[in-house]
């Protein structure tokens, strides 16, 4: 099948949908026509096919093109046509993003490795979308039940496989794709498949009337969600601050899995270290510890039109807290996922704290050492806060030129993005460099030296931690006060304490490759948060004395990097992580 040709047709379909008065209805009608051309029975479709002449031609061409793809790839590509055509608000509201077949296959393999027996397992996908998991599971069940009669085999699948889906049209797609992969058996029986997919909001109906499951699987929707008082009370055990849809679906999976059952989910990585997920981490560590984690290489090419760092995780309900297997996945052009095994590692004793999991095999030893390191920024005498000044609330106080009374306004670009640790007060056309404080602006000013870190960095960047020391002499030169814009983190001395580590040494530590590698083992989002920085394992303050000496002696960068890395490779302590 020609993917370039398919992509061109999908783009054309998206343009047609964007011009439709009822974009949602048009998108659904288009997919019905496409599915009919693909060979599906659309007699039970919830809407009619599209009537627009050009749209029908494009839909039929895509459907006929899909006949040359295997079932899993065809269902995925057809699903991406649907998502591409949907109104953005509708797509975001319901989290409609479908899973590439290579990741589906890998996750089901990992579930199988965890003991799921397709000939006996009861399986639920509580957010089944277009059937990315239900269809291949039906294929695996059919294969495992090959010794049964056709009637017994289909009846078994109808009793053991179920999906919940909030979007009625996606639910129809999911049911239809399962029918397609079981078409030979259904033709022999002369009947259609009994309904496997239930239209329901899983989070509003969390108590399943289907009993507990041997496997809860899926790619749940993600994004912040507002909960009313009753909902927050129900989900309280996994909440800390803001609620995220995929966190709630993870909690739901624990409720629906049978003791010893497997939970296999594709989710963002943000729960590994984010502050809002600490209750969820504790829940999973105590009630359903993970036994396998796959990190996906890069953020592009996973979900259509979405840039998101993701992972595959398999948990076992009431399982033991044994070291879990980690791997690194690369997605090939043909959609297959290739895994590189990283090794085994353990969760922290306090499961609520960030989970330190290596993203690359060569970082495994450092991650093991970091889990046993008891020192944090507070032990150095520092705390982290966000830059005080929210610039767009003070536009009338920002100026391009200096005059008496203004103070420097420090923006993120003042910290060298190359990670050299160099602070440079820059005046650019993009950002006004001077701030005129008013009588109520004392909270927007900084008077003492600190370490500045950029608050937003991406996994693709050479460095996630980009730090620079704000020197005291710079502050004094400008009258004893500066303003820090809130796209920077400020690592400042604790009130009333003299830090055990100088700002210069702390900045150099943050800018080292070793600390950057360890931070990547914690962070799962583009935000460099105060919570994660304060949870970052660090060498002992005593060990930093030698770093201070190396810096004073102007040792070469290689020697400094080697020393810092050695601290994370050789340091061992019996203290809890």
Protein backbone atom coordinates (compact mmCIF):
# COMPACT_ATOMS: atom_id res chain seq x y z
CA UNK A 1 0.00 0.00 0.00
CA UNK A 2 1.29 3.48 -0.87
CA UNK A 3 1.37 5.55 2.33
CA UNK A 4 2.20 8.72 0.39
CA UNK A 5 -0.95 8.30 -1.68
CA UNK A 6 -2.98 7.58 1.46
CA UNK A 7 -1.62 10.68 3.19
CA UNK A 8 -2.57 12.84 0.22
CA UNK A 9 -6.11 11.45 0.23
CA UNK A 10 -6.45 11.93 3.99
CA UNK A 11 -5.35 15.55 3.66
CA UNK A 12 -7.97 16.03 0.96
CA UNK A 13 -10.60 14.50 3.22
CA UNK A 14 -9.62 16.86 6.04
CA UNK A 15 -9.99 19.87 3.74
CA UNK A 16 -13.43 18.70 2.64
CA UNK A 17 -14.52 18.29 6.27
CA UNK A 18 -13.24 21.74 7.21
CA UNK A 19 -15.61 23.28 4.66
CA UNK A 20 -18.68 21.33 5.81
CA UNK A 21 -21.41 23.12 7.75
CA UNK A 22 -21.81 20.09 10.04
CA UNK A 23 -18.21 18.91 10.25
CA UNK A 24 -18.89 16.12 12.76
CA UNK A 25 -21.76 14.65 10.73
CA UNK A 26 -19.80 15.00 7.49
CA UNK A 27 -16.80 13.20 9.00
CA UNK A 28 -18.88 10.29 10.17
CA UNK A 29 -20.71 9.95 6.86
CA UNK A 30 -17.38 10.02 5.03
CA UNK A 31 -16.03 7.16 7.16
CA UNK A 32 -19.20 5.09 6.62
CA UNK A 33 -18.71 5.39 2.86
CA UNK A 34 -15.00 4.57 3.28
CA UNK A 35 -15.78 1.49 5.39
CA UNK A 36 -18.32 0.29 2.83
CA UNK A 37 -15.68 0.54 0.08
CA UNK A 38 -13.24 -1.30 2.36
CA UNK A 39 -15.68 -4.20 2.55
CA UNK A 40 -17.44 -3.67 5.87
CA UNK A 41 -21.16 -4.24 6.41
CA UNK A 42 -22.44 -0.75 7.13
CA UNK A 43 -26.11 -1.62 7.44
CA UNK A 44 -26.01 -0.92 11.20
CA UNK A 45 -23.97 2.28 10.91
CA UNK A 46 -25.39 5.07 13.09
CA UNK A 47 -25.34 7.53 10.17
CA UNK A 48 -25.70 7.37 6.39
CA UNK A 49 -22.77 7.61 4.03
CA UNK A 50 -21.67 10.98 2.70
CA UNK A 51 -23.64 12.38 -0.25
CA UNK A 52 -21.14 14.96 -1.49
CA UNK A 53 -19.89 13.69 -4.89
CA UNK A 54 -16.19 14.48 -4.48
CA UNK A 55 -16.22 13.27 -0.88
CA UNK A 56 -17.73 9.94 -1.95
CA UNK A 57 -15.01 9.53 -4.58
CA UNK A 58 -12.23 10.25 -2.08
CA UNK A 59 -13.79 8.00 0.58
CA UNK A 60 -14.16 5.11 -1.84
CA UNK A 61 -10.60 5.54 -3.09
CA UNK A 62 -9.27 5.37 0.47
CA UNK A 63 -11.44 2.34 1.26
CA UNK A 64 -10.24 0.48 -1.82
CA UNK A 65 -6.63 1.41 -1.00
CA UNK A 66 -7.05 -0.04 2.51
CA UNK A 67 -7.80 -3.48 1.04
CA UNK A 68 -4.09 -3.86 0.30
CA UNK A 69 -3.15 -3.30 3.97
CA UNK A 70 -3.38 -5.90 6.73
CA UNK A 71 -6.32 -5.64 9.12
CA UNK A 72 -4.49 -3.92 11.98
CA UNK A 73 -2.90 -1.28 9.77
CA UNK A 74 -6.11 -0.69 7.85
CA UNK A 75 -8.16 -0.14 11.02
CA UNK A 76 -5.52 2.25 12.33
CA UNK A 77 -5.28 4.27 9.12
CA UNK A 78 -9.05 4.48 8.74
CA UNK A 79 -9.23 5.68 12.34
CA UNK A 80 -6.68 8.42 11.59
CA UNK A 81 -8.89 9.59 8.72
CA UNK A 82 -11.74 9.98 11.19
CA UNK A 83 -9.62 11.86 13.76
CA UNK A 84 -8.13 14.14 11.09
CA UNK A 85 -11.60 15.17 9.92
CA UNK A 86 -13.15 15.75 13.35
CA UNK A 87 -13.66 19.24 14.79
CA UNK A 88 -10.68 20.01 17.03
CA UNK A 89 -12.85 20.81 20.04
CA UNK A 90 -14.70 17.49 19.78
CA UNK A 91 -11.51 15.54 19.29
CA UNK A 92 -9.87 17.17 22.32
CA UNK A 93 -12.94 16.88 24.53
CA UNK A 94 -13.16 13.12 24.08
CA UNK A 95 -9.45 12.42 23.64
CA UNK A 96 -9.90 10.70 20.28
CA UNK A 97 -6.40 9.55 19.28
CA UNK A 98 -5.81 6.04 17.99
CA UNK A 99 -2.92 3.66 18.60
CA UNK A 100 -0.40 2.62 15.92
CA UNK A 101 -0.50 -1.17 15.34
CA UNK A 102 3.16 -1.68 16.25
CA UNK A 103 2.53 -0.36 19.75
CA UNK A 104 -0.68 -2.36 20.07
CA UNK A 105 1.18 -5.55 19.18
CA UNK A 106 4.02 -4.82 21.59
CA UNK A 107 1.66 -4.06 24.48
CA UNK A 108 -0.32 -7.26 23.90
CA UNK A 109 2.93 -9.24 23.74
CA UNK A 110 3.93 -7.76 27.09
CA UNK A 111 0.51 -8.64 28.56
CA UNK A 112 0.95 -12.19 27.28
CA UNK A 113 4.42 -12.35 28.84
CA UNK A 114 2.74 -11.38 32.10
CA UNK A 115 0.56 -14.48 32.01
CA UNK A 116 -2.52 -13.47 30.01
CA UNK A 117 -3.96 -16.60 28.40
CA UNK A 118 -6.04 -15.67 25.35
CA UNK A 119 -8.00 -18.92 25.54
CA UNK A 120 -9.42 -18.10 28.99
CA UNK A 121 -8.85 -14.40 29.75
CA UNK A 122 -11.70 -11.95 30.23
CA UNK A 123 -10.56 -8.70 28.59
CA UNK A 124 -11.84 -5.11 28.79
CA UNK A 125 -10.77 -1.95 26.98
CA UNK A 126 -12.56 0.85 28.89
CA UNK A 127 -11.84 3.47 26.18
CA UNK A 128 -11.74 1.32 23.07
CA UNK A 129 -11.93 4.07 20.42
CA UNK A 130 -11.85 2.56 16.96
CA UNK A 131 -10.89 -0.93 18.10
CA UNK A 132 -7.09 -0.66 18.08
CA UNK A 133 -6.90 -3.30 20.83
CA UNK A 134 -10.18 -5.21 20.52
CA UNK A 135 -9.56 -6.33 16.93
CA UNK A 136 -6.06 -7.79 17.44
CA UNK A 137 -7.18 -9.34 20.74
CA UNK A 138 -10.04 -11.03 18.89
CA UNK A 139 -7.48 -12.40 16.42
CA UNK A 140 -5.32 -13.76 19.25
CA UNK A 141 -8.33 -15.28 20.97
CA UNK A 142 -9.43 -16.92 17.72
CA UNK A 143 -5.97 -18.39 17.22
CA UNK A 144 -5.82 -19.67 20.82
CA UNK A 145 -9.26 -21.29 20.41
CA UNK A 146 -8.54 -22.90 17.03
CA UNK A 147 -9.40 -26.35 18.43
CA UNK A 148 -13.00 -25.38 19.15
CA UNK A 149 -15.90 -25.45 16.73
CA UNK A 150 -16.69 -22.19 14.94
CA UNK A 151 -19.83 -21.70 17.02
CA UNK A 152 -18.04 -22.34 20.33
CA UNK A 153 -15.11 -20.13 19.34
CA UNK A 154 -17.23 -17.10 18.43
CA UNK A 155 -19.47 -17.55 21.46
CA UNK A 156 -16.39 -17.63 23.71
CA UNK A 157 -15.07 -14.37 22.26
CA UNK A 158 -18.50 -12.75 22.69
CA UNK A 159 -18.43 -13.69 26.40
CA UNK A 160 -14.82 -12.76 27.11
CA UNK A 161 -14.13 -9.55 25.15
CA UNK A 162 -15.77 -6.19 25.86
CA UNK A 163 -15.10 -2.54 25.14
CA UNK A 164 -16.51 0.70 26.54
CA UNK A 165 -16.53 3.85 24.40
CA UNK A 166 -18.02 7.27 25.00
CA UNK A 167 -18.15 8.28 21.31
CA UNK A 168 -21.01 6.35 19.63
CA UNK A 169 -19.45 6.48 16.19
CA UNK A 170 -16.07 5.21 17.43
CA UNK A 171 -17.94 2.43 19.22
CA UNK A 172 -19.56 1.41 15.92
CA UNK A 173 -16.16 1.45 14.20
CA UNK A 174 -14.68 -0.73 16.93
CA UNK A 175 -17.50 -3.30 16.71
CA UNK A 176 -17.22 -3.31 12.91
CA UNK A 177 -13.47 -3.91 12.89
CA UNK A 178 -13.86 -6.86 15.27
CA UNK A 179 -16.50 -8.26 12.91
CA UNK A 180 -14.11 -7.85 10.00
CA UNK A 181 -11.30 -9.86 11.62
CA UNK A 182 -13.82 -12.60 12.54
CA UNK A 183 -15.56 -12.43 9.15
CA UNK A 184 -14.70 -15.98 8.07
CA UNK A 185 -16.23 -17.50 11.22
CA UNK A 186 -19.29 -15.24 11.06
CA UNK A 187 -19.92 -16.10 7.42
CA UNK A 188 -19.81 -19.80 8.33
CA UNK A 189 -22.30 -19.17 11.13
CA UNK A 190 -24.50 -16.99 8.92
CA UNK A 191 -24.88 -14.27 11.52
CA UNK A 192 -23.42 -11.04 12.83
CA UNK A 193 -21.29 -10.67 15.95
CA UNK A 194 -23.19 -9.97 19.14
CA UNK A 195 -22.46 -6.48 20.53
CA UNK A 196 -19.09 -6.37 22.26
CA UNK A 197 -18.83 -2.59 22.52
CA UNK A 198 -20.97 -0.64 24.97
CA UNK A 199 -21.51 3.08 24.55
CA UNK A 200 -20.83 4.51 28.00
CA UNK A 201 -18.72 7.00 29.90
CA UNK A 202 -16.47 4.66 31.86
CA UNK A 203 -15.64 7.31 34.44
CA UNK A 204 -19.30 8.06 35.20
CA UNK A 205 -20.10 4.33 35.39
CA UNK A 206 -16.94 3.00 37.06
CA UNK A 207 -18.56 -0.01 38.68
CA UNK A 208 -18.55 -2.68 35.97
CA UNK A 209 -21.53 -4.98 35.63
CA UNK A 210 -19.29 -7.39 33.70
CA UNK A 211 -17.29 -8.60 36.72
CA UNK A 212 -13.55 -8.28 37.18
CA UNK A 213 -11.17 -8.76 34.28
CA UNK A 214 -8.00 -10.75 33.68
CA UNK A 215 -6.75 -7.96 31.40
CA UNK A 216 -7.66 -4.29 31.32
CA UNK A 217 -5.99 -2.81 28.27
CA UNK A 218 -5.98 0.35 26.23
CA UNK A 219 -4.85 3.81 25.31
CA UNK A 220 -6.95 5.99 27.62
CA UNK A 221 -7.66 9.64 26.80
CA UNK A 222 -5.52 12.26 28.48
CA UNK A 223 -5.82 15.89 29.50
CA UNK A 224 -6.88 17.81 32.58
CA UNK A 225 -10.49 17.38 33.63
CA UNK A 226 -12.65 19.19 36.19
CA UNK A 227 -14.41 17.02 38.75
CA UNK A 228 -17.38 17.90 40.89
CA UNK A 229 -17.29 17.27 44.64
CA UNK A 230 -18.85 13.81 44.38
CA UNK A 231 -16.48 12.70 41.60
CA UNK A 232 -13.42 13.99 43.44
CA UNK A 233 -14.50 12.07 46.52
CA UNK A 234 -14.86 8.85 44.52
CA UNK A 235 -11.43 9.14 42.86
CA UNK A 236 -9.67 10.72 45.85
CA UNK A 237 -7.23 7.85 46.41
CA UNK A 238 -5.43 8.63 43.12
CA UNK A 239 -5.73 12.44 43.13
CA UNK A 240 -3.36 15.18 44.21
CA UNK A 241 -4.45 18.53 42.84
CA UNK A 242 -5.50 18.59 39.19
CA UNK A 243 -7.14 15.46 37.75
CA UNK A 244 -5.98 14.01 34.43
CA UNK A 245 -8.15 11.68 32.37
CA UNK A 246 -5.52 9.01 31.92
CA UNK A 247 -4.83 9.02 35.67
CA UNK A 248 -8.51 8.37 36.37
CA UNK A 249 -8.58 5.58 33.78
CA UNK A 250 -5.53 4.02 35.45
CA UNK A 251 -7.31 4.07 38.80
CA UNK A 252 -10.38 2.60 37.05
CA UNK A 253 -8.27 -0.26 35.68
CA UNK A 254 -7.15 -1.17 39.21
CA UNK A 255 -10.79 -1.30 40.29
CA UNK A 256 -11.81 -3.49 37.34
CA UNK A 257 -8.86 -5.91 37.25
CA UNK A 258 -9.16 -9.23 39.04
CA UNK A 259 -6.54 -10.16 41.68
CA UNK A 260 -3.50 -11.30 39.69
CA UNK A 261 -4.92 -9.65 36.58
CA UNK A 262 -2.86 -7.51 34.20
CA UNK A 263 -3.30 -3.84 33.36
CA UNK A 264 -1.65 -2.89 30.05
CA UNK A 265 -1.81 0.80 29.17
CA UNK A 266 -0.30 3.21 26.69
CA UNK A 267 -0.07 6.61 28.42
CA UNK A 268 1.99 9.79 28.58
CA UNK A 269 5.12 9.59 30.75
CA UNK A 270 4.18 12.59 32.88
CA UNK A 271 2.93 10.49 35.80
CA UNK A 272 6.44 9.18 36.53
CA UNK A 273 7.59 12.35 38.26
CA UNK A 274 4.82 14.94 38.18
CA UNK A 275 3.59 16.35 41.46
CA UNK A 276 -0.08 15.88 40.56
CA UNK A 277 0.47 12.14 40.08
CA UNK A 278 2.10 11.28 43.42
CA UNK A 279 -1.11 9.70 44.78
CA UNK A 280 -1.50 7.68 41.57
CA UNK A 281 2.11 6.47 41.79
CA UNK A 282 1.54 5.34 45.36
CA UNK A 283 -1.68 3.56 44.37
CA UNK A 284 0.01 1.65 41.56
CA UNK A 285 3.14 0.83 43.58
CA UNK A 286 1.08 -0.66 46.39
CA UNK A 287 -1.93 -2.19 44.63
CA UNK A 288 -0.73 -2.98 41.10
CA UNK A 289 3.07 -2.76 40.76
CA UNK A 290 4.41 -2.54 37.20
CA UNK A 291 6.37 -5.47 35.81
CA UNK A 292 7.30 -4.01 32.41
CA UNK A 293 7.83 -0.48 31.06
CA UNK A 294 8.65 0.46 27.46
CA UNK A 295 9.70 4.01 26.64
CA UNK A 296 8.96 5.17 23.11
CA UNK A 297 11.81 6.80 21.21
CA UNK A 298 10.85 10.43 20.56
CA UNK A 299 7.49 12.18 20.63
CA UNK A 300 6.69 12.36 16.92
CA UNK A 301 4.96 9.66 14.90
CA UNK A 302 3.08 8.10 17.82
CA UNK A 303 -0.28 9.87 17.66
CA UNK A 304 -1.56 11.72 14.63
CA UNK A 305 -0.98 15.50 14.98
CA UNK A 306 0.17 15.12 18.61
CA UNK A 307 3.60 15.72 20.13
CA UNK A 308 3.61 13.63 23.30
CA UNK A 309 6.22 11.52 25.12
CA UNK A 310 4.57 8.16 25.74
CA UNK A 311 5.20 4.78 27.32
CA UNK A 312 3.76 1.27 27.49
CA UNK A 313 3.31 -0.04 31.02
CA UNK A 314 2.12 -3.42 32.28
CA UNK A 315 1.00 -3.81 35.90
CA UNK A 316 -0.18 -6.81 37.91
CA UNK A 317 -3.06 -6.33 40.38
CA UNK A 318 -1.88 -7.35 43.87
CA UNK A 319 1.44 -8.36 42.35
CA UNK A 320 4.82 -8.38 44.07
CA UNK A 321 7.13 -5.38 43.94
CA UNK A 322 9.85 -7.23 42.03
CA UNK A 323 12.30 -5.30 39.82
CA UNK A 324 10.55 -4.38 36.60
CA UNK A 325 11.84 -4.81 33.05
CA UNK A 326 12.47 -1.63 31.08
CA UNK A 327 12.95 -1.30 27.34
CA UNK A 328 13.30 1.38 24.69
CA UNK A 329 11.04 1.26 21.62
CA UNK A 330 11.76 2.58 18.16
CA UNK A 331 8.93 2.85 15.63
CA UNK A 332 9.98 1.91 12.11
CA UNK A 333 8.58 3.39 8.91
CA UNK A 334 6.41 0.31 8.36
CA UNK A 335 4.78 0.82 11.77
CA UNK A 336 6.57 -1.99 13.60
CA UNK A 337 7.99 -1.34 17.08
CA UNK A 338 11.47 -2.67 17.82
CA UNK A 339 12.51 -3.01 21.46
CA UNK A 340 15.93 -2.64 23.03
CA UNK A 341 15.91 -4.10 26.54
CA UNK A 342 17.42 -1.79 29.15
CA UNK A 343 17.48 -4.14 32.12
CA UNK A 344 15.66 -4.37 35.43
CA UNK A 345 15.16 -1.71 38.06
CA UNK A 346 13.15 -1.17 41.23
CA UNK A 347 10.63 1.39 42.35
CA UNK A 348 11.43 3.60 45.36
CA UNK A 349 10.29 2.33 48.74
CA UNK A 350 7.94 5.28 48.92
CA UNK A 351 6.00 4.74 45.73
CA UNK A 352 4.61 8.29 45.83
CA UNK A 353 8.02 9.80 45.10
CA UNK A 354 9.18 10.08 41.47
CA UNK A 355 10.01 6.76 39.84
CA UNK A 356 13.60 6.77 38.60
CA UNK A 357 13.49 4.67 35.42
CA UNK A 358 16.31 4.75 32.85
CA UNK A 359 15.39 5.80 29.33
CA UNK A 360 18.58 4.29 27.88
CA UNK A 361 20.53 1.15 28.74
CA UNK A 362 23.75 3.05 29.42
CA UNK A 363 22.02 5.11 32.14
CA UNK A 364 20.89 2.04 34.11
CA UNK A 365 23.82 2.02 36.55
CA UNK A 366 23.41 5.73 37.27
CA UNK A 367 19.68 5.29 37.85
CA UNK A 368 20.36 2.46 40.32
CA UNK A 369 22.83 4.63 42.19
CA UNK A 370 20.51 7.65 42.14
CA UNK A 371 17.71 5.63 43.77
CA UNK A 372 19.95 5.10 46.81
CA UNK A 373 21.19 8.70 47.10
CA UNK A 374 19.47 10.46 50.05
CA UNK A 375 20.50 14.03 49.32
CA UNK A 376 18.22 16.63 47.77
CA UNK A 377 18.35 20.37 47.13
CA UNK A 378 17.07 21.07 50.64
CA UNK A 379 20.18 19.32 52.01
CA UNK A 380 22.27 21.80 50.03
CA UNK A 381 20.29 24.66 51.61
CA UNK A 382 18.13 25.56 48.59
CA UNK A 383 14.51 25.63 47.51
CA UNK A 384 12.93 26.11 44.07
CA UNK A 385 10.33 28.66 43.05
CA UNK A 386 9.04 30.07 39.80
CA UNK A 387 10.27 33.44 38.55
CA UNK A 388 8.08 36.04 40.21
CA UNK A 389 7.17 38.31 37.33
CA UNK A 390 4.32 37.35 34.99
CA UNK A 391 5.20 39.85 32.27
CA UNK A 392 1.81 40.13 30.56
CA UNK A 393 0.26 41.35 33.82
CA UNK A 394 2.70 44.26 33.91
CA UNK A 395 2.94 45.40 30.29
CA UNK A 396 2.73 49.04 31.29
CA UNK A 397 5.83 48.63 33.47
CA UNK A 398 8.09 47.11 30.79
CA UNK A 399 10.55 49.29 28.88
CA UNK A 400 13.08 48.91 26.10
CA UNK A 401 15.44 51.59 27.38
CA UNK A 402 17.06 52.18 30.75
CA UNK A 403 16.11 55.16 32.89
CA UNK A 404 16.39 55.92 36.56
CA UNK A 405 14.27 53.61 38.70
CA UNK A 406 14.06 50.58 36.40
CA UNK A 407 15.63 47.22 37.24
CA UNK A 408 16.84 44.46 34.89
CA UNK A 409 14.18 42.02 33.77
CA UNK A 410 15.75 38.60 33.32
CA UNK A 411 14.18 36.40 30.62
CA UNK A 412 14.82 32.73 29.78
CA UNK A 413 17.22 33.63 26.94
CA UNK A 414 19.57 35.16 29.52
CA UNK A 415 20.52 31.59 30.46
CA UNK A 416 22.71 30.11 27.74
CA UNK A 417 20.64 27.40 25.96
CA UNK A 418 23.87 25.48 25.29
CA UNK A 419 24.08 24.72 29.01
CA UNK A 420 27.41 26.47 29.57
CA UNK A 421 26.20 27.95 32.85
CA UNK A 422 26.82 31.45 31.54
CA UNK A 423 24.38 34.17 32.53
CA UNK A 424 24.16 37.00 30.03
CA UNK A 425 21.81 39.95 30.41
CA UNK A 426 20.52 40.41 26.88
CA UNK A 427 18.49 43.15 25.31
CA UNK A 428 16.52 41.86 22.35
CA UNK A 429 13.70 43.19 20.23
CA UNK A 430 11.56 40.30 21.39
CA UNK A 431 11.54 41.10 25.11
CA UNK A 432 11.74 44.37 26.99
CA UNK A 433 14.78 44.20 29.32
CA UNK A 434 13.72 46.73 31.97
CA UNK A 435 10.99 46.66 34.62
CA UNK A 436 9.76 49.66 36.61
CA UNK A 437 8.64 48.36 40.02
CA UNK A 438 5.77 50.06 41.78
CA UNK A 439 5.10 50.32 45.51
CA UNK A 440 3.35 46.92 45.55
CA UNK A 441 6.01 45.07 43.53
CA UNK A 442 8.35 43.95 46.29
CA UNK A 443 7.31 40.33 45.70
CA UNK A 444 8.41 40.68 42.06
CA UNK A 445 12.02 41.50 42.96
CA UNK A 446 15.05 39.39 43.78
CA UNK A 447 17.93 40.72 45.87
CA UNK A 448 20.30 37.75 46.29
CA UNK A 449 22.25 35.46 44.00
CA UNK A 450 20.50 32.30 42.83
CA UNK A 451 20.58 29.65 40.12
CA UNK A 452 18.21 30.08 37.19
CA UNK A 453 16.88 27.16 35.12
CA UNK A 454 14.72 27.27 32.02
CA UNK A 455 11.24 25.95 32.88
CA UNK A 456 10.37 24.35 29.55
CA UNK A 457 12.64 22.00 27.62
CA UNK A 458 11.93 19.09 25.28
CA UNK A 459 13.21 15.54 25.30
CA UNK A 460 14.76 16.13 21.86
CA UNK A 461 17.02 18.89 23.20
CA UNK A 462 20.63 18.13 24.02
CA UNK A 463 19.97 19.24 27.59
CA UNK A 464 16.80 19.15 29.67
CA UNK A 465 18.45 21.09 32.49
CA UNK A 466 19.71 24.48 31.33
CA UNK A 467 21.05 26.48 34.25
CA UNK A 468 22.99 29.65 34.92
CA UNK A 469 24.13 31.50 38.03
CA UNK A 470 22.67 34.95 38.60
CA UNK A 471 25.73 36.65 40.16
CA UNK A 472 25.42 38.85 43.20
CA UNK A 473 27.68 41.47 41.64
CA UNK A 474 25.20 41.83 38.73
CA UNK A 475 22.41 42.48 41.21
CA UNK A 476 24.49 45.02 43.14
CA UNK A 477 25.56 46.73 39.92
CA UNK A 478 21.89 47.46 39.20
CA UNK A 479 20.91 48.85 42.57
CA UNK A 480 20.46 45.62 44.50
CA UNK A 481 17.34 44.24 42.79
CA UNK A 482 16.33 42.43 39.60
CA UNK A 483 13.07 40.91 38.32
CA UNK A 484 12.94 37.29 37.13
CA UNK A 485 10.36 36.39 34.46
CA UNK A 486 8.25 33.32 35.19
CA UNK A 487 9.59 31.17 32.35
CA UNK A 488 12.57 30.57 34.63
CA UNK A 489 12.92 28.52 37.80
CA UNK A 490 14.80 30.14 40.66
CA UNK A 491 16.89 27.93 42.95
CA UNK A 492 17.33 30.14 46.00
CA UNK A 493 18.85 29.73 49.47
CA UNK A 494 16.44 28.61 52.16
CA UNK A 495 15.41 31.50 54.41
CA UNK A 496 17.84 32.07 57.25
CA UNK A 497 20.32 29.43 56.03
CA UNK A 498 23.75 29.65 54.51
CA UNK A 499 23.91 27.18 51.58
CA UNK A 500 26.41 24.33 51.83
CA UNK A 501 27.05 24.59 48.06
CA UNK A 502 27.78 27.77 46.14
CA UNK A 503 25.39 28.90 43.39
CA UNK A 504 28.24 28.55 40.88
CA UNK A 505 28.89 24.90 41.82
CA UNK A 506 25.17 24.13 41.85
CA UNK A 507 24.77 25.65 38.40
CA UNK A 508 27.68 23.56 37.11
CA UNK A 509 26.16 20.43 38.64
CA UNK A 510 22.83 21.06 36.93
CA UNK A 511 24.58 21.60 33.60
CA UNK A 512 26.48 18.32 33.76
CA UNK A 513 25.52 15.47 31.45
CA UNK A 514 25.26 13.09 34.41
CA UNK A 515 22.66 15.13 36.28
CA UNK A 516 20.80 15.73 33.03
CA UNK A 517 20.67 11.96 32.46
CA UNK A 518 19.33 11.35 35.96
CA UNK A 519 16.74 14.10 35.57
CA UNK A 520 15.47 12.43 32.38
CA UNK A 521 14.91 9.27 34.44
CA UNK A 522 12.38 11.24 36.48
CA UNK A 523 10.78 13.77 34.18
CA UNK A 524 8.04 12.79 31.77
CA UNK A 525 6.94 16.17 30.46
CA UNK A 526 8.39 19.29 28.89
CA UNK A 527 7.97 21.23 32.14
CA UNK A 528 11.04 21.43 34.36
CA UNK A 529 9.04 21.63 37.56
CA UNK A 530 10.05 22.78 41.02
CA UNK A 531 8.68 19.51 42.40
CA UNK A 532 10.93 17.36 40.22
CA UNK A 533 13.98 19.53 40.82
CA UNK A 534 13.47 19.26 44.58
CA UNK A 535 13.09 15.47 44.26
CA UNK A 536 16.23 15.09 42.11
CA UNK A 537 18.82 12.79 43.80
CA UNK A 538 22.10 14.61 44.35
CA UNK A 539 25.60 13.77 45.59
CA UNK A 540 26.46 14.62 49.18
CA UNK A 541 27.32 18.25 49.91
CA UNK A 542 30.75 17.03 50.99
CA UNK A 543 31.36 15.54 47.53
CA UNK A 544 30.66 18.93 45.96
CA UNK A 545 33.65 20.41 47.78
CA UNK A 546 35.94 18.72 45.27
CA UNK A 547 33.80 20.09 42.44
CA UNK A 548 34.28 23.56 43.91
CA UNK A 549 38.05 22.96 43.96
CA UNK A 550 38.08 21.74 40.36
CA UNK A 551 36.23 24.86 39.30
CA UNK A 552 38.60 27.14 41.23
CA UNK A 553 41.57 25.38 39.63
CA UNK A 554 39.95 25.87 36.22
CA UNK A 555 40.07 22.15 35.49
CA UNK A 556 39.06 21.18 31.96
CA UNK A 557 35.44 20.32 31.26
CA UNK A 558 36.17 16.65 30.65
CA UNK A 559 37.65 16.27 34.13
CA UNK A 560 34.67 17.99 35.75
CA UNK A 561 32.17 15.89 33.79
CA UNK A 562 34.05 12.71 34.67
CA UNK A 563 34.05 13.57 38.38
CA UNK A 564 30.31 14.30 38.49
CA UNK A 565 29.47 11.12 36.56
CA UNK A 566 31.65 9.09 38.92
CA UNK A 567 29.56 10.35 41.86
CA UNK A 568 26.46 8.77 40.29
CA UNK A 569 28.20 5.52 39.41
CA UNK A 570 30.12 4.73 42.59
CA UNK A 571 28.16 6.31 45.44
CA UNK A 572 26.22 3.76 47.47
CA UNK A 573 24.33 4.28 50.69
CA UNK A 574 21.83 2.24 52.67
CA UNK A 575 19.47 5.19 52.95
CA UNK A 576 16.07 4.86 51.29
CA UNK A 577 15.57 6.40 47.89
